[in-house]
Amino acid sequence: MKVGIQLPEVERQVSWREVREIANTAEEVGFDSIWVGDHLLFRDAVTGVRGPLEAWSLLAALGEATERALIGPLVAATSFHNPAMIAKKAATIDDISGGRLVLGLGAGWNRPEYAAFGFPFDHRVSRFEEAFTIIRTLIREGSIDHDGPFYTHRQMELLPRARADMPLLIGSNGPRMLRIAVPHVDLWNSWYTGFDNDPAGLPPLLNTVDEACRQVGRDPAEIDRTVAVLVQLKRGTGRIAGSGERPDVTPITGSASDIAESLARFEEAGITHVQVVLDPIDVVAVTQMGEVLTRLR
């Protein structure tokens, strides 16, 4: 099972210098992948307004700053950019990183940032379906001529061409979203709130993915199952990234051996890749997780 790390978002204000140091440390201690959230603005009654660094810019920088780990958005909101531009960004970042990008995609959900940046919030799944068609066609085939209700592309060609086998990941538990994506994606992902941060909560979700595959004639075994898991170390605050609220799930805690044992249970449940959402998320915490990775392996 691969183990990745989610980089800080708005737990506090972070600079690129700190993000790079955390990412480099994650590679040094043995993480297999490094992920960034794709958000623009958070607003809530507890912590007010906060905004992270822009995800695609971070991914491009990470592609140059790191050497081994997979990188990717967890997940990119297709409604934040023209879909042909998403394909262009992905192809460029994949080239910068030497073919290490996993293109995670989703429909988006955080309404305040849509209102602030002027993005339409209506018909999000329908918009995703059309955008996903354009993005994957450009990645896999290199060109498209498309005229739809939301997007129009005339003789669009993706040049330089993208790596045709770039992994595509869908971040959703919704039956309609899954039916749209599972004929084409390589990986599926759920955030920890979707299964109570507990392997025991996974079977219903995994069955939903299997059923979506059967409905579209896809072998369920062809899609890797990945999940984000919340791990809290001793210095953790117990707060959710992007919010001042405490999560409605119990984080994984304990000694390095305890955490390793808890993560191993996800592999036993059929998960091939976990993305650790670490509390706290800083260089010291990532270094401490190195012992967990050693015990896990």
Protein backbone atom coordinates (compact mmCIF):
# COMPACT_ATOMS: atom_id res chain seq x y z
CA MET A 1 0.00 0.00 0.00
CA LYS A 2 1.29 3.46 -0.93
CA VAL A 3 1.18 6.22 1.69
CA GLY A 4 0.93 9.89 0.73
CA ILE A 5 0.78 13.16 2.61
CA GLN A 6 -1.59 16.12 2.20
CA LEU A 7 0.29 19.42 2.33
CA PRO A 8 -0.94 22.28 4.57
CA GLU A 9 -3.76 24.37 3.21
CA VAL A 10 -5.23 26.90 5.66
CA GLU A 11 -4.40 25.36 9.01
CA ARG A 12 -2.27 28.49 9.27
CA GLN A 13 -0.71 30.87 6.78
CA VAL A 14 2.11 29.03 5.00
CA SER A 15 4.70 30.20 2.51
CA TRP A 16 6.05 28.31 -0.48
CA ARG A 17 9.35 28.00 1.39
CA GLU A 18 7.65 26.02 4.18
CA VAL A 19 5.60 23.94 1.73
CA ARG A 20 8.78 23.00 -0.14
CA GLU A 21 10.54 22.04 3.09
CA ILE A 22 7.61 19.83 4.15
CA ALA A 23 7.49 18.19 0.71
CA ASN A 24 11.23 17.54 0.64
CA THR A 25 11.05 16.08 4.15
CA ALA A 26 8.14 13.86 3.10
CA GLU A 27 10.27 12.41 0.31
CA GLU A 28 13.22 11.91 2.64
CA VAL A 29 11.23 9.95 5.22
CA GLY A 30 9.61 7.71 2.62
CA PHE A 31 6.18 9.03 1.66
CA ASP A 32 5.12 7.74 -1.76
CA SER A 33 3.03 10.73 -2.81
CA ILE A 34 2.43 14.42 -2.06
CA TRP A 35 -0.99 16.03 -2.50
CA VAL A 36 -2.45 19.53 -2.48
CA GLY A 37 -6.04 20.63 -2.00
CA ASP A 38 -7.61 22.72 -4.76
CA HIS A 39 -9.36 25.51 -2.90
CA LEU A 40 -9.34 29.27 -3.20
CA LEU A 41 -11.14 30.65 -0.15
CA PHE A 42 -12.67 29.39 3.08
CA ARG A 43 -15.18 31.33 5.15
CA ASP A 44 -16.76 30.15 8.41
CA ALA A 45 -18.09 31.61 11.63
CA VAL A 46 -15.28 30.23 13.81
CA THR A 47 -12.11 31.24 11.96
CA GLY A 48 -13.36 33.86 9.53
CA VAL A 49 -11.88 34.08 6.04
CA ARG A 50 -8.73 32.22 4.98
CA GLY A 51 -7.18 31.44 1.63
CA PRO A 52 -4.51 28.92 0.58
CA LEU A 53 -1.84 29.15 -2.08
CA GLU A 54 -3.10 28.29 -5.57
CA ALA A 55 -2.99 24.56 -6.25
CA TRP A 56 -1.78 24.35 -9.84
CA SER A 57 1.07 26.78 -9.19
CA LEU A 58 2.07 24.68 -6.18
CA LEU A 59 1.99 21.48 -8.23
CA ALA A 60 4.25 22.98 -10.88
CA ALA A 61 6.72 24.08 -8.21
CA LEU A 62 6.54 20.69 -6.49
CA GLY A 63 7.25 18.99 -9.80
CA GLU A 64 10.62 20.75 -9.86
CA ALA A 65 11.33 20.72 -6.10
CA THR A 66 10.79 16.97 -5.60
CA GLU A 67 12.36 14.00 -7.32
CA ARG A 68 10.60 10.73 -6.53
CA ALA A 69 7.13 11.06 -5.02
CA LEU A 70 3.94 11.13 -7.03
CA ILE A 71 2.20 14.52 -6.93
CA GLY A 72 -1.40 15.49 -7.52
CA PRO A 73 -4.43 17.57 -6.60
CA LEU A 74 -6.80 15.97 -4.09
CA VAL A 75 -8.85 16.87 -5.99
CA ALA A 76 -8.93 19.56 -8.69
CA ALA A 77 -12.31 21.27 -9.06
CA THR A 78 -13.12 21.15 -12.76
CA SER A 79 -15.34 24.23 -12.41
CA PHE A 80 -12.43 26.53 -11.45
CA HIS A 81 -10.86 26.46 -14.91
CA ASN A 82 -11.74 25.92 -18.54
CA PRO A 83 -11.36 22.14 -19.04
CA ALA A 84 -8.90 22.49 -21.92
CA MET A 85 -6.73 24.65 -19.62
CA ILE A 86 -6.86 21.94 -16.94
CA ALA A 87 -5.58 19.43 -19.49
CA LYS A 88 -2.87 21.92 -20.53
CA LYS A 89 -1.82 22.53 -16.93
CA ALA A 90 -1.78 18.80 -16.18
CA ALA A 91 0.34 17.97 -19.23
CA THR A 92 2.83 20.72 -18.38
CA ILE A 93 3.14 19.74 -14.71
CA ASP A 94 3.48 16.08 -15.62
CA ASP A 95 6.38 16.97 -17.91
CA ILE A 96 8.02 19.17 -15.27
CA SER A 97 7.80 16.33 -12.73
CA GLY A 98 9.10 13.67 -15.09
CA GLY A 99 5.78 11.84 -15.35
CA ARG A 100 4.76 11.84 -11.68
CA LEU A 101 1.35 13.57 -11.83
CA VAL A 102 -1.84 11.81 -10.75
CA LEU A 103 -4.72 13.93 -12.06
CA GLY A 104 -7.38 13.93 -9.35
CA LEU A 105 -10.66 15.51 -10.43
CA GLY A 106 -13.96 16.41 -8.79
CA ALA A 107 -16.93 18.76 -9.14
CA GLY A 108 -16.13 21.11 -6.24
CA TRP A 109 -18.36 21.82 -3.24
CA ASN A 110 -17.30 24.89 -1.23
CA ARG A 111 -19.93 27.47 -2.18
CA PRO A 112 -18.30 30.61 -0.67
CA GLU A 113 -15.31 30.39 -2.99
CA TYR A 114 -17.62 30.03 -6.02
CA ALA A 115 -19.43 33.22 -5.04
CA ALA A 116 -16.21 35.10 -4.29
CA PHE A 117 -14.48 34.18 -7.56
CA GLY A 118 -17.60 34.38 -9.72
CA PHE A 119 -17.83 30.72 -10.73
CA PRO A 120 -21.28 29.25 -11.43
CA PHE A 121 -22.45 26.85 -8.72
CA ASP A 122 -25.43 25.45 -10.61
CA HIS A 123 -25.46 22.12 -12.49
CA ARG A 124 -22.12 21.16 -10.96
CA VAL A 125 -22.36 17.46 -11.86
CA SER A 126 -23.49 18.20 -15.41
CA ARG A 127 -20.67 20.71 -15.77
CA PHE A 128 -18.26 18.12 -14.40
CA GLU A 129 -19.47 15.50 -16.87
CA GLU A 130 -18.80 17.75 -19.83
CA ALA A 131 -15.48 19.02 -18.47
CA PHE A 132 -14.34 15.49 -17.66
CA THR A 133 -15.10 14.37 -21.22
CA ILE A 134 -12.97 17.20 -22.60
CA ILE A 135 -10.09 16.73 -20.15
CA ARG A 136 -9.74 12.97 -20.52
CA THR A 137 -10.11 13.12 -24.31
CA LEU A 138 -7.32 15.68 -24.55
CA ILE A 139 -5.10 13.68 -22.19
CA ARG A 140 -5.73 10.33 -23.87
CA GLU A 141 -6.16 11.37 -27.52
CA GLY A 142 -4.65 14.84 -27.82
CA SER A 143 -7.47 16.68 -29.59
CA ILE A 144 -11.19 17.37 -29.46
CA ASP A 145 -13.86 19.33 -31.31
CA HIS A 146 -16.64 19.93 -28.82
CA ASP A 147 -19.82 22.00 -28.68
CA GLY A 148 -21.81 21.49 -25.47
CA PRO A 149 -24.14 23.41 -23.18
CA PHE A 150 -21.27 24.65 -20.99
CA TYR A 151 -18.07 24.48 -23.07
CA THR A 152 -17.11 24.92 -26.71
CA HIS A 153 -13.75 23.94 -28.21
CA ARG A 154 -13.07 24.24 -31.92
CA GLN A 155 -10.23 22.07 -33.26
CA MET A 156 -8.62 22.00 -29.83
CA GLU A 157 -5.24 20.25 -29.81
CA LEU A 158 -3.15 19.63 -26.73
CA LEU A 159 0.42 20.36 -27.74
CA PRO A 160 2.86 19.25 -26.56
CA ARG A 161 0.92 16.03 -26.11
CA ALA A 162 0.23 14.74 -22.63
CA ARG A 163 1.40 11.37 -21.40
CA ALA A 164 -1.51 9.25 -22.62
CA ASP A 165 -1.37 6.92 -19.62
CA MET A 166 -1.43 9.72 -17.02
CA PRO A 167 -3.44 8.27 -14.09
CA LEU A 168 -6.88 9.79 -13.59
CA LEU A 169 -8.50 9.80 -10.14
CA ILE A 170 -12.11 10.57 -9.25
CA GLY A 171 -12.78 12.11 -5.84
CA SER A 172 -16.45 11.44 -5.20
CA ASN A 173 -18.86 9.05 -3.52
CA GLY A 174 -21.93 10.19 -5.46
CA PRO A 175 -23.57 7.47 -7.62
CA ARG A 176 -24.04 9.82 -10.59
CA MET A 177 -20.46 11.11 -10.41
CA LEU A 178 -19.19 7.55 -10.19
CA ARG A 179 -21.20 6.44 -13.22
CA ILE A 180 -19.67 9.31 -15.19
CA ALA A 181 -16.10 8.62 -14.10
CA VAL A 182 -15.59 4.89 -13.53
CA PRO A 183 -15.53 3.92 -17.21
CA HIS A 184 -12.36 6.00 -17.56
CA VAL A 185 -10.49 6.53 -14.26
CA ASP A 186 -7.63 4.55 -12.77
CA LEU A 187 -8.23 5.44 -9.12
CA TRP A 188 -11.10 6.34 -6.81
CA ASN A 189 -10.76 8.42 -3.64
CA SER A 190 -12.89 9.23 -0.62
CA TRP A 191 -12.22 11.83 2.07
CA TYR A 192 -12.15 10.48 5.63
CA THR A 193 -15.55 11.94 6.50
CA GLY A 194 -17.13 9.58 3.97
CA PHE A 195 -16.30 6.48 6.02
CA ASP A 196 -15.85 7.89 9.55
CA ASN A 197 -12.05 7.61 9.22
CA ASP A 198 -12.46 3.90 9.96
CA PRO A 199 -11.90 0.88 7.69
CA ALA A 200 -15.11 -0.59 9.12
CA GLY A 201 -17.00 2.20 7.34
CA LEU A 202 -15.57 1.40 3.91
CA PRO A 203 -17.64 -1.59 2.68
CA PRO A 204 -20.73 0.46 1.69
CA LEU A 205 -18.57 2.90 -0.29
CA LEU A 206 -16.55 0.16 -1.94
CA ASN A 207 -19.79 -1.62 -2.86
CA THR A 208 -21.06 1.62 -4.42
CA VAL A 209 -17.93 1.83 -6.56
CA ASP A 210 -18.30 -1.84 -7.55
CA GLU A 211 -21.94 -1.32 -8.50
CA ALA A 212 -21.11 1.75 -10.59
CA CYS A 213 -18.49 -0.32 -12.43
CA ARG A 214 -20.96 -3.12 -13.08
CA GLN A 215 -23.53 -0.64 -14.43
CA VAL A 216 -21.08 0.62 -17.06
CA GLY A 217 -19.43 -2.71 -17.84
CA ARG A 218 -16.12 -1.98 -16.11
CA ASP A 219 -14.24 -4.60 -14.11
CA PRO A 220 -14.12 -3.20 -10.53
CA ALA A 221 -10.65 -4.69 -10.08
CA GLU A 222 -9.31 -2.24 -12.67
CA ILE A 223 -9.81 0.75 -10.34
CA ASP A 224 -7.48 1.27 -7.38
CA ARG A 225 -9.18 2.33 -4.14
CA THR A 226 -7.60 5.25 -2.27
CA VAL A 227 -8.71 7.15 0.83
CA ALA A 228 -7.63 10.21 2.79
CA VAL A 229 -7.22 9.44 6.50
CA LEU A 230 -6.96 11.83 9.43
CA VAL A 231 -3.96 11.21 11.70
CA GLN A 232 -3.47 13.31 14.82
CA LEU A 233 -0.11 13.44 16.59
CA LYS A 234 0.43 14.62 20.16
CA ARG A 235 0.81 18.28 19.17
CA GLY A 236 -2.38 18.22 17.08
CA THR A 237 -5.14 20.77 17.61
CA GLY A 238 -8.04 18.57 16.51
CA ARG A 239 -9.23 21.19 14.03
CA ILE A 240 -10.28 20.59 10.42
CA ALA A 241 -8.23 22.21 7.68
CA GLY A 242 -10.24 25.08 6.23
CA SER A 243 -12.45 25.31 9.31
CA GLY A 244 -12.19 26.01 13.00
CA GLU A 245 -14.51 23.15 13.76
CA ARG A 246 -13.60 19.75 15.10
CA PRO A 247 -14.22 16.87 12.70
CA ASP A 248 -17.15 14.53 13.24
CA VAL A 249 -14.74 11.60 13.09
CA THR A 250 -12.18 10.14 15.46
CA PRO A 251 -8.63 10.70 14.23
CA ILE A 252 -6.05 7.94 14.19
CA THR A 253 -3.77 8.53 17.18
CA GLY A 254 -1.26 6.79 19.43
CA SER A 255 2.33 5.63 19.17
CA ALA A 256 4.11 5.06 15.88
CA SER A 257 3.25 1.38 16.17
CA ASP A 258 -0.41 2.16 16.89
CA ILE A 259 -0.69 4.47 13.88
CA ALA A 260 1.08 1.96 11.62
CA GLU A 261 -1.29 -0.76 12.76
CA SER A 262 -4.31 1.45 12.10
CA LEU A 263 -3.09 2.31 8.59
CA ALA A 264 -2.42 -1.37 7.86
CA ARG A 265 -6.11 -2.07 8.46
CA PHE A 266 -6.94 0.03 5.41
CA GLU A 267 -4.78 -2.20 3.23
CA GLU A 268 -6.57 -5.22 4.68
CA ALA A 269 -9.85 -3.55 3.64
CA GLY A 270 -8.71 -3.35 0.00
CA ILE A 271 -7.19 0.13 -0.09
CA THR A 272 -4.09 0.50 -2.26
CA HIS A 273 -3.13 4.08 -1.38
CA VAL A 274 -3.84 6.28 1.65
CA GLN A 275 -3.30 10.04 1.80
CA VAL A 276 -2.53 11.12 5.35
CA VAL A 277 -4.14 14.36 6.49
CA LEU A 278 -1.77 15.12 9.36
CA ASP A 279 -2.54 17.16 12.46
CA PRO A 280 -0.33 19.10 12.92
CA ILE A 281 1.16 19.40 9.45
CA ASP A 282 4.70 20.73 9.66
CA VAL A 283 8.24 19.47 9.15
CA VAL A 284 8.50 18.03 12.68
CA ALA A 285 5.27 16.06 12.31
CA VAL A 286 6.24 14.73 8.88
CA THR A 287 9.59 13.63 10.28
CA GLN A 288 7.82 11.82 13.11
CA MET A 289 5.67 10.02 10.56
CA GLY A 290 8.82 8.53 9.10
CA GLU A 291 8.89 6.07 12.01
CA VAL A 292 5.29 5.12 11.23
CA LEU A 293 6.23 4.39 7.62
CA THR A 294 9.16 2.25 8.73
CA ARG A 295 6.93 0.19 11.01
CA LEU A 296 4.20 -0.07 8.39
CA ARG A 297 6.61 -1.55 5.87
